[in-house]
Protein backbone atom coordinates (compact mmCIF):
# COMPACT_ATOMS: atom_id res chain seq x y z
CA MET A 1 21.75 -61.82 8.33
CA THR A 2 25.08 -60.01 8.63
CA GLU A 3 27.72 -61.43 6.30
CA ALA A 4 31.02 -62.24 7.93
CA ALA A 5 34.08 -60.33 6.85
CA GLU A 6 36.92 -62.20 5.15
CA LEU A 7 39.45 -63.92 7.39
CA PRO A 8 42.86 -62.26 6.91
CA PRO A 9 45.99 -64.36 6.30
CA ALA A 10 47.74 -65.68 9.37
CA PRO A 11 50.42 -63.30 10.66
CA ALA A 12 54.06 -64.40 10.81
CA GLN A 13 53.83 -64.71 14.59
CA ALA A 14 51.27 -67.50 14.21
CA ARG A 15 53.82 -69.79 12.54
CA GLU A 16 56.21 -69.13 15.41
CA VAL A 17 53.62 -69.77 18.12
CA PHE A 18 51.80 -72.79 16.67
CA GLY A 19 54.79 -74.48 15.06
CA ASP A 20 53.90 -77.95 13.77
CA ARG A 21 50.25 -77.20 14.54
CA PHE A 22 50.15 -74.10 12.36
CA ALA A 23 47.93 -75.75 9.72
CA ASP A 24 45.51 -76.82 12.45
CA ALA A 25 45.45 -73.27 13.82
CA VAL A 26 44.57 -71.99 10.35
CA ARG A 27 41.77 -74.55 10.07
CA TYR A 28 40.44 -73.54 13.48
CA ALA A 29 40.48 -69.87 12.46
CA GLU A 30 38.54 -70.79 9.31
CA LEU A 31 35.99 -72.72 11.36
CA LEU A 32 35.51 -69.75 13.69
CA ALA A 33 35.10 -67.40 10.71
CA GLU A 34 32.59 -69.70 9.01
CA ALA A 35 30.65 -72.05 11.30
CA GLY A 36 31.48 -69.96 14.38
CA VAL A 37 29.80 -66.90 12.90
CA GLN A 38 26.91 -68.86 11.35
CA ARG A 39 26.10 -70.49 14.70
CA GLY A 40 26.39 -67.25 16.63
CA LEU A 41 29.48 -68.27 18.59
CA ILE A 42 31.42 -65.16 17.58
CA GLY A 43 30.30 -61.90 16.03
CA PRO A 44 31.04 -61.25 12.34
CA ARG A 45 32.98 -58.11 13.27
CA GLU A 46 35.52 -60.29 15.10
CA VAL A 47 36.62 -62.12 11.94
CA PRO A 48 39.18 -59.50 10.75
CA ARG A 49 40.89 -59.62 14.15
CA LEU A 50 40.58 -63.33 14.86
CA TRP A 51 44.31 -63.95 14.79
CA GLU A 52 45.59 -61.08 16.92
CA ARG A 53 42.73 -60.62 19.35
CA HIS A 54 41.64 -64.22 19.77
CA LEU A 55 43.95 -67.03 18.66
CA LEU A 56 47.32 -65.46 19.46
CA ASN A 57 45.98 -63.61 22.50
CA CYS A 58 44.89 -66.97 23.92
CA ALA A 59 47.83 -69.07 22.74
CA VAL A 60 50.35 -66.96 24.67
CA LEU A 61 48.57 -67.93 27.89
CA SER A 62 50.73 -71.06 27.60
CA GLU A 63 53.61 -69.01 29.03
CA ALA A 64 51.86 -69.05 32.40
CA VAL A 65 50.82 -72.74 32.43
CA PRO A 66 53.19 -75.29 34.04
CA GLU A 67 54.27 -78.39 32.15
CA GLY A 68 52.23 -81.59 32.12
CA VAL A 69 49.27 -80.39 34.18
CA THR A 70 45.51 -80.85 33.95
CA VAL A 71 43.50 -77.83 32.80
CA CYS A 72 39.80 -76.97 32.83
CA ASP A 73 38.70 -74.15 30.53
CA VAL A 74 35.56 -72.77 32.20
CA GLY A 75 32.88 -71.31 29.93
CA SER A 76 34.91 -72.34 26.91
CA GLY A 77 32.42 -70.96 24.39
CA ALA A 78 33.95 -71.30 20.94
CA GLY A 79 37.09 -72.79 22.49
CA LEU A 80 38.92 -69.69 23.69
CA PRO A 81 41.42 -69.98 25.28
CA GLY A 82 41.25 -73.79 25.53
CA ILE A 83 41.78 -74.78 21.90
CA PRO A 84 44.65 -72.38 21.09
CA LEU A 85 46.27 -73.56 24.33
CA ALA A 86 45.80 -77.19 23.26
CA LEU A 87 47.34 -76.48 19.86
CA VAL A 88 50.58 -75.18 21.38
CA ARG A 89 50.74 -77.54 24.38
CA ASP A 90 50.21 -81.24 23.75
CA ASP A 91 51.66 -81.96 27.19
CA LEU A 92 48.46 -80.68 28.83
CA ASN A 93 45.31 -82.65 29.57
CA ILE A 94 42.55 -80.12 28.84
CA THR A 95 38.81 -80.16 29.57
CA LEU A 96 36.62 -77.66 27.73
CA LEU A 97 33.67 -76.98 30.03
CA GLU A 98 30.66 -75.30 28.43
CA PRO A 99 26.93 -75.39 29.35
CA LEU A 100 25.35 -74.64 25.95
CA LEU A 101 24.69 -77.53 23.57
CA ARG A 102 25.35 -75.64 20.33
CA ARG A 103 28.74 -74.63 21.66
CA THR A 104 29.71 -78.09 22.91
CA ASN A 105 28.68 -79.53 19.54
CA PHE A 106 31.02 -77.08 17.83
CA LEU A 107 33.82 -77.82 20.27
CA SER A 108 33.47 -81.57 19.80
CA GLU A 109 33.61 -81.15 16.02
CA VAL A 110 36.76 -79.02 16.27
CA VAL A 111 38.47 -81.42 18.68
CA GLU A 112 37.76 -84.38 16.38
CA LEU A 113 38.69 -82.55 13.19
CA LEU A 114 42.01 -81.31 14.57
CA GLY A 115 42.86 -84.59 16.29
CA LEU A 116 43.21 -83.06 19.73
CA ASP A 117 43.42 -86.33 21.65
CA HIS A 118 44.44 -84.56 24.84
CA VAL A 119 41.22 -82.50 24.93
CA THR A 120 37.83 -83.53 26.34
CA VAL A 121 34.57 -81.59 25.90
CA VAL A 122 32.14 -81.61 28.82
CA ARG A 123 28.72 -80.01 28.76
CA GLY A 124 27.74 -78.45 32.07
CA ARG A 125 28.08 -75.52 34.42
CA ALA A 126 31.04 -75.30 36.74
CA GLU A 127 28.84 -75.48 39.82
CA GLU A 128 27.17 -78.64 38.48
CA VAL A 129 30.32 -80.63 37.71
CA MET A 130 32.15 -79.99 40.97
CA GLY A 131 32.84 -83.39 42.49
CA LYS A 132 32.00 -85.14 39.22
CA LEU A 133 35.16 -84.08 37.39
CA PRO A 134 38.59 -84.76 38.90
CA PRO A 135 40.08 -81.58 40.41
CA VAL A 136 42.59 -79.92 38.08
CA HIS A 137 45.89 -78.11 38.48
CA VAL A 138 44.83 -75.07 36.43
CA VAL A 139 41.51 -73.41 35.59
CA THR A 140 41.48 -71.03 32.63
CA ALA A 141 38.82 -68.55 31.53
CA ARG A 142 38.37 -65.61 29.21
CA ALA A 143 35.70 -62.90 29.25
CA VAL A 144 33.28 -65.15 31.09
CA ALA A 145 32.31 -62.91 34.01
CA PRO A 146 33.66 -60.39 36.52
CA LEU A 147 36.53 -61.85 38.50
CA ASP A 148 34.67 -62.35 41.78
CA ARG A 149 31.90 -64.32 40.08
CA LEU A 150 34.32 -66.22 37.87
CA ALA A 151 36.27 -67.26 40.94
CA THR A 152 33.20 -68.84 42.56
CA TRP A 153 32.85 -71.04 39.48
CA GLY A 154 36.49 -71.82 38.76
CA ILE A 155 38.34 -72.07 42.07
CA PRO A 156 36.25 -74.98 43.49
CA LEU A 157 37.32 -77.06 40.46
CA LEU A 158 40.98 -76.79 41.46
CA ARG A 159 43.02 -79.33 43.34
CA PRO A 160 44.90 -78.09 46.43
CA TYR A 161 47.60 -75.56 45.55
CA GLY A 162 46.23 -75.14 42.03
CA GLU A 163 45.73 -71.85 40.23
CA MET A 164 43.18 -69.99 38.16
CA LEU A 165 44.41 -68.04 35.12
CA ALA A 166 41.90 -65.52 33.80
CA LEU A 167 42.54 -63.54 30.64
CA LYS A 168 41.41 -60.00 31.34
CA GLY A 169 41.70 -56.54 29.83
CA ASP A 170 42.79 -53.13 31.06
CA THR A 171 40.64 -53.39 34.19
CA ALA A 172 42.52 -56.42 35.57
CA GLU A 173 44.12 -54.56 38.48
CA GLU A 174 40.81 -52.93 39.46
CA GLU A 175 38.93 -56.23 39.25
CA LEU A 176 41.54 -57.93 41.39
CA LYS A 177 41.29 -55.27 44.08
CA ALA A 178 37.48 -55.37 44.04
CA ALA A 179 37.48 -59.18 44.31
CA ALA A 180 40.11 -59.42 47.08
CA SER A 181 37.67 -60.27 49.88
CA ALA A 182 35.76 -62.80 47.80
CA LEU A 183 38.99 -64.47 46.67
CA SER A 184 40.23 -64.78 50.23
CA LYS A 185 37.01 -66.52 51.28
CA LEU A 186 37.45 -68.92 48.37
CA GLY A 187 40.83 -70.03 49.63
CA ALA A 188 43.12 -67.82 47.54
CA VAL A 189 46.53 -67.34 49.10
CA GLU A 190 48.26 -65.25 46.44
CA THR A 191 47.21 -63.14 43.46
CA SER A 192 49.08 -61.36 40.70
CA VAL A 193 48.67 -59.77 37.27
CA LEU A 194 50.88 -61.13 34.48
CA HIS A 195 51.58 -59.79 31.01
CA VAL A 196 52.43 -62.45 28.43
CA GLY A 197 53.11 -62.61 24.72
CA GLU A 198 56.19 -60.40 24.38
CA GLY A 199 57.07 -60.17 20.69
CA ILE A 200 53.85 -61.97 19.72
CA VAL A 201 50.91 -59.73 20.59
CA ASP A 202 50.61 -55.99 21.04
CA PRO A 203 49.29 -55.05 23.51
CA LEU A 204 50.44 -57.94 25.67
CA SER A 205 47.82 -60.36 26.99
CA THR A 206 46.87 -59.61 30.58
CA VAL A 207 46.36 -62.57 32.90
CA VAL A 208 45.07 -62.55 36.46
CA ARG A 209 46.62 -65.42 38.41
CA VAL A 210 44.89 -66.63 41.57
CA GLU A 211 46.75 -69.29 43.54
CA VAL A 212 44.93 -71.33 46.18
CA GLY A 213 46.02 -73.19 49.28
CA GLU A 214 44.96 -76.57 50.57
CA SER A 215 41.21 -75.79 50.47
CA PRO A 216 40.14 -74.55 47.01
CA GLY A 217 36.78 -72.83 47.36
CA GLY A 218 37.15 -72.40 51.11
CA VAL A 219 34.93 -73.88 53.81
CA ARG A 220 31.71 -73.36 51.87
CA PHE A 221 32.79 -75.51 48.95
CA ALA A 222 34.60 -78.12 51.03
CA ALA A 223 31.21 -79.38 52.23
CA LYS A 224 29.79 -79.38 48.69
CA ARG A 225 32.81 -81.24 47.38
CA ALA A 226 32.56 -83.87 50.09
CA LYS A 227 28.84 -84.35 49.44
CA ALA A 228 29.43 -84.71 45.70
CA ALA A 229 32.16 -87.28 46.34
CA ARG A 230 29.87 -89.32 48.62
CA THR A 231 27.11 -89.23 46.01
CA GLY A 232 29.54 -90.39 43.35
CA ARG A 233 30.70 -93.33 45.46
CA THR A 234 27.09 -94.36 46.16
CA ARG A 235 26.25 -94.33 42.44
CA ARG A 236 29.32 -96.43 41.59
CA ARG A 237 28.38 -99.05 44.18
CA ARG A 238 24.94 -99.35 42.55
């Protein structure tokens, strides 16, 4: 078994970003470096760069998230970007959506340990929970899948005029161009690439923003959403 490297001290920027939640951010970093590695949620080589590449890189996504909205973090994994976002934004109501049991167990432990009362962990795939979870204002995701595939999972979970925020790397512009047709069919009305984290992370975090109109997911998912809603009402009546 590969031994994890030692977690470096938190950089000065972390105190600025996490504020009153700085101690919780440190505890989360320690959990990722220990239990996260032991359970195979992150690779041991990621430990030395946990702060810059993972926690801070995700926390600065908050710059693009409106105040007081509902958020669903699709394919949350070890809680990135959902948990760093929750640590800096207690005004958000966040759902961490993850299909694998070992990951949801870890997420539930972290949420309880850090007292993140505004965070809920849900086990399931995005395509399975559509119609079962209330539509959200914002869907977030990081390194889950290529943009076109990610959009088919995330956009149908949005409420009308919501937005998907996907943390991407240097290929963001290319992915956005390649996914243009698919995004249009899914009801996207505007797309853009944002760079956030000025003075906090270097390089800046790259975010693909996909805004939808009145029919998130397009015609194809409107029928699925309606069917799921009817099924839900029938079950409640029983």
